[in-house]
Amino acid sequence: MAGVDEIRAGIATANEKCNSSIAALQQAAQALEEARQILSQVTSGSNQPEVTQANGLLANAGQGISDTQGTIQQAISSAEQYSARL
């Protein structure tokens, strides 16, 4: 079994990777929001169901990213709590 220092170092490395993934997800969320805004602008006034559906799906995708970021943050917090108890 790994020593305490190795475990803490591994947790720190994992948390760094998690933070990088949160940042990448934030960029993806921003790109999706820009896409949604563009779609809304170019389809303004349209009441076609496909347009409404596309806008809704993009909004849902953005929410999914936000939810994923929260889950990752919880994982980081849990790992940090474990590391602190070592």
N, C-alpha and C. Protein backbone atom coordinates (compact mmCIF):
# COMPACT_ATOMS: atom_id res chain seq x y z
N MET A 1 0.84 -1.18 0.00
CA MET A 1 0.00 0.00 0.00
C MET A 1 0.89 1.25 0.00
N ALA A 2 0.43 2.27 -0.68
CA ALA A 2 1.18 3.52 -0.78
C ALA A 2 1.24 4.22 0.57
N GLY A 3 2.33 4.96 0.76
CA GLY A 3 2.47 5.74 1.98
C GLY A 3 1.59 6.98 1.95
N VAL A 4 1.45 7.62 3.10
CA VAL A 4 0.59 8.79 3.23
C VAL A 4 1.00 9.90 2.26
N ASP A 5 2.29 10.16 2.15
CA ASP A 5 2.75 11.21 1.25
C ASP A 5 2.41 10.90 -0.21
N GLU A 6 2.56 9.64 -0.58
CA GLU A 6 2.22 9.23 -1.94
C GLU A 6 0.72 9.39 -2.20
N ILE A 7 -0.07 9.03 -1.22
CA ILE A 7 -1.53 9.15 -1.37
C ILE A 7 -1.91 10.62 -1.52
N ARG A 8 -1.36 11.46 -0.66
CA ARG A 8 -1.66 12.90 -0.74
C ARG A 8 -1.22 13.48 -2.07
N ALA A 9 -0.05 13.07 -2.54
CA ALA A 9 0.44 13.57 -3.82
C ALA A 9 -0.47 13.10 -4.96
N GLY A 10 -0.90 11.87 -4.89
CA GLY A 10 -1.80 11.34 -5.91
C GLY A 10 -3.13 12.07 -5.91
N ILE A 11 -3.65 12.35 -4.72
CA ILE A 11 -4.91 13.09 -4.62
C ILE A 11 -4.74 14.49 -5.19
N ALA A 12 -3.63 15.13 -4.87
CA ALA A 12 -3.37 16.48 -5.40
C ALA A 12 -3.31 16.46 -6.92
N THR A 13 -2.65 15.46 -7.48
CA THR A 13 -2.55 15.34 -8.94
C THR A 13 -3.93 15.10 -9.56
N ALA A 14 -4.69 14.21 -8.94
CA ALA A 14 -6.04 13.94 -9.43
C ALA A 14 -6.90 15.20 -9.38
N ASN A 15 -6.78 15.95 -8.28
CA ASN A 15 -7.56 17.17 -8.15
C ASN A 15 -7.15 18.22 -9.18
N GLU A 16 -5.87 18.29 -9.51
CA GLU A 16 -5.42 19.19 -10.57
C GLU A 16 -6.07 18.82 -11.90
N LYS A 17 -6.12 17.53 -12.18
CA LYS A 17 -6.76 17.06 -13.42
C LYS A 17 -8.25 17.40 -13.40
N CYS A 18 -8.86 17.24 -12.24
CA CYS A 18 -10.29 17.59 -12.12
C CYS A 18 -10.50 19.08 -12.37
N ASN A 19 -9.64 19.90 -11.80
CA ASN A 19 -9.77 21.35 -12.02
C ASN A 19 -9.57 21.70 -13.50
N SER A 20 -8.66 21.02 -14.16
CA SER A 20 -8.47 21.24 -15.59
C SER A 20 -9.72 20.85 -16.37
N SER A 21 -10.34 19.77 -15.96
CA SER A 21 -11.56 19.34 -16.66
C SER A 21 -12.69 20.33 -16.42
N ILE A 22 -12.77 20.90 -15.23
CA ILE A 22 -13.79 21.92 -14.96
C ILE A 22 -13.58 23.13 -15.86
N ALA A 23 -12.33 23.54 -16.04
CA ALA A 23 -12.03 24.67 -16.92
C ALA A 23 -12.41 24.36 -18.37
N ALA A 24 -12.10 23.14 -18.81
CA ALA A 24 -12.46 22.74 -20.18
C ALA A 24 -13.97 22.71 -20.36
N LEU A 25 -14.66 22.22 -19.35
CA LEU A 25 -16.12 22.20 -19.41
C LEU A 25 -16.69 23.62 -19.44
N GLN A 26 -16.06 24.53 -18.73
CA GLN A 26 -16.51 25.93 -18.76
C GLN A 26 -16.38 26.51 -20.16
N GLN A 27 -15.29 26.19 -20.85
CA GLN A 27 -15.13 26.65 -22.23
C GLN A 27 -16.20 26.04 -23.12
N ALA A 28 -16.50 24.78 -22.91
CA ALA A 28 -17.55 24.12 -23.70
C ALA A 28 -18.91 24.77 -23.43
N ALA A 29 -19.18 25.08 -22.18
CA ALA A 29 -20.45 25.72 -21.82
C ALA A 29 -20.57 27.09 -22.48
N GLN A 30 -19.47 27.83 -22.50
CA GLN A 30 -19.49 29.15 -23.14
C GLN A 30 -19.74 29.02 -24.64
N ALA A 31 -19.10 28.04 -25.27
CA ALA A 31 -19.29 27.83 -26.70
C ALA A 31 -20.74 27.44 -27.00
N LEU A 32 -21.31 26.59 -26.17
CA LEU A 32 -22.71 26.20 -26.35
C LEU A 32 -23.64 27.39 -26.18
N GLU A 33 -23.36 28.24 -25.20
CA GLU A 33 -24.20 29.42 -25.00
C GLU A 33 -24.10 30.36 -26.19
N GLU A 34 -22.89 30.53 -26.72
CA GLU A 34 -22.73 31.36 -27.92
C GLU A 34 -23.51 30.77 -29.09
N ALA A 35 -23.45 29.45 -29.24
CA ALA A 35 -24.19 28.79 -30.31
C ALA A 35 -25.69 28.99 -30.14
N ARG A 36 -26.15 28.88 -28.90
CA ARG A 36 -27.58 29.07 -28.62
C ARG A 36 -28.01 30.49 -28.94
N GLN A 37 -27.18 31.46 -28.56
CA GLN A 37 -27.50 32.86 -28.84
C GLN A 37 -27.54 33.13 -30.34
N ILE A 38 -26.58 32.59 -31.06
CA ILE A 38 -26.55 32.77 -32.52
C ILE A 38 -27.79 32.15 -33.15
N LEU A 39 -28.11 30.94 -32.73
CA LEU A 39 -29.29 30.26 -33.26
C LEU A 39 -30.55 31.07 -32.97
N SER A 40 -30.64 31.59 -31.76
CA SER A 40 -31.80 32.40 -31.39
C SER A 40 -31.90 33.66 -32.24
N GLN A 41 -30.75 34.28 -32.50
CA GLN A 41 -30.74 35.50 -33.31
C GLN A 41 -31.18 35.23 -34.74
N VAL A 42 -30.62 34.18 -35.33
CA VAL A 42 -30.92 33.94 -36.75
C VAL A 42 -32.29 33.32 -36.96
N THR A 43 -32.88 32.79 -35.93
CA THR A 43 -34.22 32.19 -36.06
C THR A 43 -35.28 33.01 -35.34
N SER A 44 -34.92 34.24 -34.96
CA SER A 44 -35.85 35.10 -34.25
C SER A 44 -37.15 35.25 -35.04
N GLY A 45 -38.22 35.10 -34.37
CA GLY A 45 -39.53 35.23 -35.00
C GLY A 45 -40.09 33.91 -35.52
N SER A 46 -39.27 32.92 -35.59
CA SER A 46 -39.73 31.61 -36.05
C SER A 46 -40.40 30.88 -34.89
N ASN A 47 -41.51 30.28 -35.19
CA ASN A 47 -42.16 29.46 -34.17
C ASN A 47 -42.23 28.00 -34.62
N GLN A 48 -41.23 27.62 -35.40
CA GLN A 48 -41.14 26.23 -35.85
C GLN A 48 -40.68 25.37 -34.67
N PRO A 49 -41.27 24.20 -34.54
CA PRO A 49 -40.93 23.36 -33.39
C PRO A 49 -39.46 22.93 -33.36
N GLU A 50 -38.85 22.77 -34.53
CA GLU A 50 -37.44 22.36 -34.55
C GLU A 50 -36.53 23.43 -33.94
N VAL A 51 -36.88 24.69 -34.17
CA VAL A 51 -36.09 25.79 -33.62
C VAL A 51 -36.22 25.81 -32.09
N THR A 52 -37.43 25.67 -31.62
CA THR A 52 -37.66 25.63 -30.18
C THR A 52 -36.94 24.45 -29.56
N GLN A 53 -37.03 23.31 -30.24
CA GLN A 53 -36.36 22.11 -29.73
C GLN A 53 -34.85 22.29 -29.69
N ALA A 54 -34.28 22.83 -30.76
CA ALA A 54 -32.83 23.03 -30.80
C ALA A 54 -32.37 23.96 -29.68
N ASN A 55 -33.09 25.05 -29.48
CA ASN A 55 -32.73 25.98 -28.41
C ASN A 55 -32.84 25.31 -27.05
N GLY A 56 -33.89 24.55 -26.85
CA GLY A 56 -34.06 23.84 -25.58
C GLY A 56 -32.97 22.81 -25.34
N LEU A 57 -32.62 22.09 -26.40
CA LEU A 57 -31.57 21.08 -26.26
C LEU A 57 -30.22 21.70 -25.93
N LEU A 58 -29.93 22.84 -26.56
CA LEU A 58 -28.68 23.53 -26.25
C LEU A 58 -28.67 24.03 -24.80
N ALA A 59 -29.80 24.53 -24.35
CA ALA A 59 -29.90 24.97 -22.95
C ALA A 59 -29.73 23.78 -22.00
N ASN A 60 -30.34 22.65 -22.35
CA ASN A 60 -30.19 21.44 -21.53
C ASN A 60 -28.74 20.96 -21.50
N ALA A 61 -28.07 21.04 -22.63
CA ALA A 61 -26.66 20.64 -22.68
C ALA A 61 -25.82 21.52 -21.76
N GLY A 62 -26.10 22.82 -21.79
CA GLY A 62 -25.38 23.73 -20.90
C GLY A 62 -25.63 23.41 -19.44
N GLN A 63 -26.86 23.08 -19.10
CA GLN A 63 -27.19 22.70 -17.72
C GLN A 63 -26.50 21.40 -17.34
N GLY A 64 -26.43 20.47 -18.29
CA GLY A 64 -25.73 19.22 -18.03
C GLY A 64 -24.26 19.45 -17.72
N ILE A 65 -23.65 20.37 -18.44
CA ILE A 65 -22.25 20.71 -18.17
C ILE A 65 -22.11 21.30 -16.78
N SER A 66 -23.02 22.20 -16.44
CA SER A 66 -22.99 22.82 -15.11
C SER A 66 -23.14 21.76 -14.02
N ASP A 67 -24.06 20.83 -14.22
CA ASP A 67 -24.24 19.75 -13.26
C ASP A 67 -22.98 18.90 -13.13
N THR A 68 -22.34 18.62 -14.26
CA THR A 68 -21.11 17.83 -14.25
C THR A 68 -20.00 18.56 -13.51
N GLN A 69 -19.90 19.86 -13.73
CA GLN A 69 -18.89 20.64 -13.01
C GLN A 69 -19.13 20.55 -11.50
N GLY A 70 -20.37 20.63 -11.08
CA GLY A 70 -20.69 20.51 -9.66
C GLY A 70 -20.31 19.16 -9.10
N THR A 71 -20.57 18.11 -9.87
CA THR A 71 -20.21 16.76 -9.44
C THR A 71 -18.70 16.62 -9.29
N ILE A 72 -17.97 17.15 -10.24
CA ILE A 72 -16.51 17.09 -10.17
C ILE A 72 -16.01 17.86 -8.94
N GLN A 73 -16.60 19.02 -8.70
CA GLN A 73 -16.19 19.82 -7.54
C GLN A 73 -16.45 19.06 -6.24
N GLN A 74 -17.57 18.34 -6.18
CA GLN A 74 -17.86 17.52 -5.00
C GLN A 74 -16.82 16.41 -4.83
N ALA A 75 -16.39 15.82 -5.95
CA ALA A 75 -15.37 14.78 -5.89
C ALA A 75 -14.05 15.35 -5.36
N ILE A 76 -13.70 16.54 -5.82
CA ILE A 76 -12.49 17.20 -5.33
C ILE A 76 -12.59 17.42 -3.83
N SER A 77 -13.71 17.92 -3.40
CA SER A 77 -13.92 18.20 -1.98
C SER A 77 -13.81 16.92 -1.15
N SER A 78 -14.42 15.86 -1.61
CA SER A 78 -14.35 14.58 -0.89
C SER A 78 -12.91 14.07 -0.81
N ALA A 79 -12.20 14.16 -1.92
CA ALA A 79 -10.81 13.71 -1.92
C ALA A 79 -9.96 14.55 -0.99
N GLU A 80 -10.21 15.86 -0.96
CA GLU A 80 -9.45 16.74 -0.07
C GLU A 80 -9.74 16.42 1.39
N GLN A 81 -11.01 16.12 1.70
CA GLN A 81 -11.35 15.75 3.07
C GLN A 81 -10.63 14.48 3.48
N TYR A 82 -10.58 13.51 2.58
CA TYR A 82 -9.87 12.27 2.88
C TYR A 82 -8.38 12.55 3.10
N SER A 83 -7.81 13.36 2.20
CA SER A 83 -6.40 13.68 2.31
C SER A 83 -6.09 14.37 3.64
N ALA A 84 -6.97 15.23 4.09
CA ALA A 84 -6.76 15.95 5.34
C ALA A 84 -6.78 15.03 6.55
N ARG A 85 -7.51 13.92 6.43
CA ARG A 85 -7.59 12.97 7.55
C ARG A 85 -6.40 12.02 7.61
N LEU A 86 -5.62 11.98 6.57
CA LEU A 86 -4.47 11.07 6.56
C LEU A 86 -3.41 11.51 7.55
